[in-house]
């Protein structure tokens, strides 16, 4: 069954993702940014990765939404996580089609395609 997350309020999107075994967590605790481009991020403070690790001991795989998020990847690799650098979901990164991005994002699924 497919679920259209784009029509849901944000809180419901998060709940639906969790029901499917996907957590959403930002690498930044807070930052300043005018607009939506990652290049506009200023005064960023990283989230507490050790707290994430302690709170979710069954977490095994982390997918990074684009190259900016993946800058912290090495810390998670050192802790033994599997990591996947995914194409950015931002419309600003339109070099890949939606279908191509979807194929990459499906690598996060633990069940085979079509399940």
C-alpha atoms as a PDB file:
ATOM      1  CA  UNK A   1       0.000   0.000   0.000  1.00  0.00           C
ATOM      2  CA  UNK A   2       1.385   3.387  -1.003  1.00  0.00           C
ATOM      3  CA  UNK A   3       0.971   6.425   1.204  1.00  0.00           C
ATOM      4  CA  UNK A   4       1.058   9.989  -0.113  1.00  0.00           C
ATOM      5  CA  UNK A   5       3.073  11.829   2.519  1.00  0.00           C
ATOM      6  CA  UNK A   6       2.842  15.134   0.649  1.00  0.00           C
ATOM      7  CA  UNK A   7      -0.840  15.556   1.555  1.00  0.00           C
ATOM      8  CA  UNK A   8      -0.326  15.007   5.300  1.00  0.00           C
ATOM      9  CA  UNK A   9       0.455  17.507   8.039  1.00  0.00           C
ATOM     10  CA  UNK A  10       4.123  17.311   9.094  1.00  0.00           C
ATOM     11  CA  UNK A  11       3.460  15.550  12.431  1.00  0.00           C
ATOM     12  CA  UNK A  12       1.416  12.869  10.671  1.00  0.00           C
ATOM     13  CA  UNK A  13       4.202  12.401   8.100  1.00  0.00           C
ATOM     14  CA  UNK A  14       6.658  11.682  10.915  1.00  0.00           C
ATOM     15  CA  UNK A  15       4.278   9.175  12.510  1.00  0.00           C
ATOM     16  CA  UNK A  16       3.743   7.426   9.175  1.00  0.00           C
ATOM     17  CA  UNK A  17       7.477   7.197   8.537  1.00  0.00           C
ATOM     18  CA  UNK A  18       8.022   5.655  11.973  1.00  0.00           C
ATOM     19  CA  UNK A  19       5.264   3.108  11.311  1.00  0.00           C
ATOM     20  CA  UNK A  20       7.307   2.053   8.277  1.00  0.00           C
ATOM     21  CA  UNK A  21      10.541   1.813  10.262  1.00  0.00           C
ATOM     22  CA  UNK A  22      12.006   5.114   9.069  1.00  0.00           C
ATOM     23  CA  UNK A  23      12.987   7.850  11.492  1.00  0.00           C
ATOM     24  CA  UNK A  24      13.624  11.405  10.386  1.00  0.00           C
ATOM     25  CA  UNK A  25      16.264  13.377  12.254  1.00  0.00           C
ATOM     26  CA  UNK A  26      18.107  16.536  11.308  1.00  0.00           C
ATOM     27  CA  UNK A  27      21.870  16.777  11.667  1.00  0.00           C
ATOM     28  CA  UNK A  28      21.453  20.335  12.955  1.00  0.00           C
ATOM     29  CA  UNK A  29      19.976  21.139  16.341  1.00  0.00           C
ATOM     30  CA  UNK A  30      19.543  24.680  15.075  1.00  0.00           C
ATOM     31  CA  UNK A  31      20.939  27.032  12.475  1.00  0.00           C
ATOM     32  CA  UNK A  32      20.207  30.253  10.680  1.00  0.00           C
ATOM     33  CA  UNK A  33      19.123  30.063   7.064  1.00  0.00           C
ATOM     34  CA  UNK A  34      17.347  32.408   4.720  1.00  0.00           C
ATOM     35  CA  UNK A  35      15.589  30.317   2.093  1.00  0.00           C
ATOM     36  CA  UNK A  36      15.927  26.580   1.661  1.00  0.00           C
ATOM     37  CA  UNK A  37      19.384  26.141   0.144  1.00  0.00           C
ATOM     38  CA  UNK A  38      22.003  24.292   2.181  1.00  0.00           C
ATOM     39  CA  UNK A  39      24.579  26.835   1.065  1.00  0.00           C
ATOM     40  CA  UNK A  40      22.627  29.465   3.046  1.00  0.00           C
ATOM     41  CA  UNK A  41      23.114  27.644   6.375  1.00  0.00           C
ATOM     42  CA  UNK A  42      24.908  29.806   8.950  1.00  0.00           C
ATOM     43  CA  UNK A  43      25.783  29.380  12.637  1.00  0.00           C
ATOM     44  CA  UNK A  44      24.848  25.701  12.608  1.00  0.00           C
ATOM     45  CA  UNK A  45      24.980  23.650  15.789  1.00  0.00           C
ATOM     46  CA  UNK A  46      25.078  19.897  15.238  1.00  0.00           C
ATOM     47  CA  UNK A  47      22.599  17.636  16.992  1.00  0.00           C
ATOM     48  CA  UNK A  48      23.750  15.321  19.771  1.00  0.00           C
ATOM     49  CA  UNK A  49      24.702  12.174  17.852  1.00  0.00           C
ATOM     50  CA  UNK A  50      25.644  10.276  20.995  1.00  0.00           C
ATOM     51  CA  UNK A  51      22.115  10.883  22.344  1.00  0.00           C
ATOM     52  CA  UNK A  52      20.631   9.560  19.104  1.00  0.00           C
ATOM     53  CA  UNK A  53      22.751   6.450  19.399  1.00  0.00           C
ATOM     54  CA  UNK A  54      21.765   5.915  23.040  1.00  0.00           C
ATOM     55  CA  UNK A  55      18.073   6.521  22.368  1.00  0.00           C
ATOM     56  CA  UNK A  56      17.830   4.111  19.440  1.00  0.00           C
ATOM     57  CA  UNK A  57      20.072   1.118  20.162  1.00  0.00           C
ATOM     58  CA  UNK A  58      18.426  -0.988  17.418  1.00  0.00           C
ATOM     59  CA  UNK A  59      19.228   1.563  14.723  1.00  0.00           C
ATOM     60  CA  UNK A  60      21.512  -0.057  12.134  1.00  0.00           C
ATOM     61  CA  UNK A  61      21.365   2.062   8.981  1.00  0.00           C
ATOM     62  CA  UNK A  62      21.499   5.803   8.449  1.00  0.00           C
ATOM     63  CA  UNK A  63      20.638   7.481   5.171  1.00  0.00           C
ATOM     64  CA  UNK A  64      21.891  10.993   4.553  1.00  0.00           C
ATOM     65  CA  UNK A  65      19.709  13.313   2.475  1.00  0.00           C
ATOM     66  CA  UNK A  66      22.392  14.775   0.241  1.00  0.00           C
ATOM     67  CA  UNK A  67      26.068  15.613   0.517  1.00  0.00           C
ATOM     68  CA  UNK A  68      25.771  18.343   3.142  1.00  0.00           C
ATOM     69  CA  UNK A  69      24.127  15.960   5.614  1.00  0.00           C
ATOM     70  CA  UNK A  70      26.687  13.275   4.740  1.00  0.00           C
ATOM     71  CA  UNK A  71      29.528  15.443   6.050  1.00  0.00           C
ATOM     72  CA  UNK A  72      28.999  13.782   9.453  1.00  0.00           C
ATOM     73  CA  UNK A  73      28.918  10.257   7.983  1.00  0.00           C
ATOM     74  CA  UNK A  74      32.346   9.177   9.270  1.00  0.00           C
ATOM     75  CA  UNK A  75      31.256   9.433  12.898  1.00  0.00           C
ATOM     76  CA  UNK A  76      28.446   6.959  12.254  1.00  0.00           C
ATOM     77  CA  UNK A  77      30.695   4.614  10.278  1.00  0.00           C
ATOM     78  CA  UNK A  78      33.122   4.561  13.212  1.00  0.00           C
ATOM     79  CA  UNK A  79      30.236   3.542  15.478  1.00  0.00           C
ATOM     80  CA  UNK A  80      29.460   0.599  13.173  1.00  0.00           C
ATOM     81  CA  UNK A  81      26.388   1.900  11.369  1.00  0.00           C
ATOM     82  CA  UNK A  82      25.681   1.140   7.746  1.00  0.00           C
ATOM     83  CA  UNK A  83      25.369   4.444   5.923  1.00  0.00           C
ATOM     84  CA  UNK A  84      23.869   5.449   2.607  1.00  0.00           C
ATOM     85  CA  UNK A  85      24.427   8.811   0.953  1.00  0.00           C
ATOM     86  CA  UNK A  86      21.185   9.500  -0.861  1.00  0.00           C
ATOM     87  CA  UNK A  87      20.465  12.034  -3.562  1.00  0.00           C
ATOM     88  CA  UNK A  88      19.049  15.205  -2.062  1.00  0.00           C
ATOM     89  CA  UNK A  89      15.273  15.383  -2.035  1.00  0.00           C
ATOM     90  CA  UNK A  90      15.534  19.121  -2.643  1.00  0.00           C
ATOM     91  CA  UNK A  91      14.024  20.396  -5.898  1.00  0.00           C
ATOM     92  CA  UNK A  92      17.194  22.475  -6.218  1.00  0.00           C
ATOM     93  CA  UNK A  93      18.995  19.212  -7.057  1.00  0.00           C
ATOM     94  CA  UNK A  94      17.061  18.229 -10.145  1.00  0.00           C
ATOM     95  CA  UNK A  95      19.919  16.515 -11.995  1.00  0.00           C
ATOM     96  CA  UNK A  96      18.254  13.166 -11.217  1.00  0.00           C
ATOM     97  CA  UNK A  97      14.661  12.381 -12.066  1.00  0.00           C
ATOM     98  CA  UNK A  98      12.216  11.609  -9.281  1.00  0.00           C
ATOM     99  CA  UNK A  99      12.209   7.969 -10.377  1.00  0.00           C
ATOM    100  CA  UNK A 100      16.021   7.750 -10.151  1.00  0.00           C
ATOM    101  CA  UNK A 101      15.976   9.349  -6.686  1.00  0.00           C
ATOM    102  CA  UNK A 102      13.247   6.957  -5.583  1.00  0.00           C
ATOM    103  CA  UNK A 103      15.342   3.950  -6.583  1.00  0.00           C
ATOM    104  CA  UNK A 104      18.186   5.228  -4.403  1.00  0.00           C
ATOM    105  CA  UNK A 105      15.905   6.060  -1.462  1.00  0.00           C
ATOM    106  CA  UNK A 106      14.375   2.587  -1.582  1.00  0.00           C
ATOM    107  CA  UNK A 107      17.750   1.238  -0.456  1.00  0.00           C
ATOM    108  CA  UNK A 108      16.619   2.237   3.045  1.00  0.00           C
ATOM    109  CA  UNK A 109      13.839  -0.342   2.969  1.00  0.00           C
ATOM    110  CA  UNK A 110      14.484  -3.531   4.857  1.00  0.00           C
ATOM    111  CA  UNK A 111      11.914  -5.517   2.912  1.00  0.00           C
ATOM    112  CA  UNK A 112      12.242  -6.394  -0.784  1.00  0.00           C
ATOM    113  CA  UNK A 113      10.690  -4.103  -3.386  1.00  0.00           C
ATOM    114  CA  UNK A 114       6.965  -4.524  -3.722  1.00  0.00           C
ATOM    115  CA  UNK A 115       6.402  -5.680  -0.135  1.00  0.00           C
END
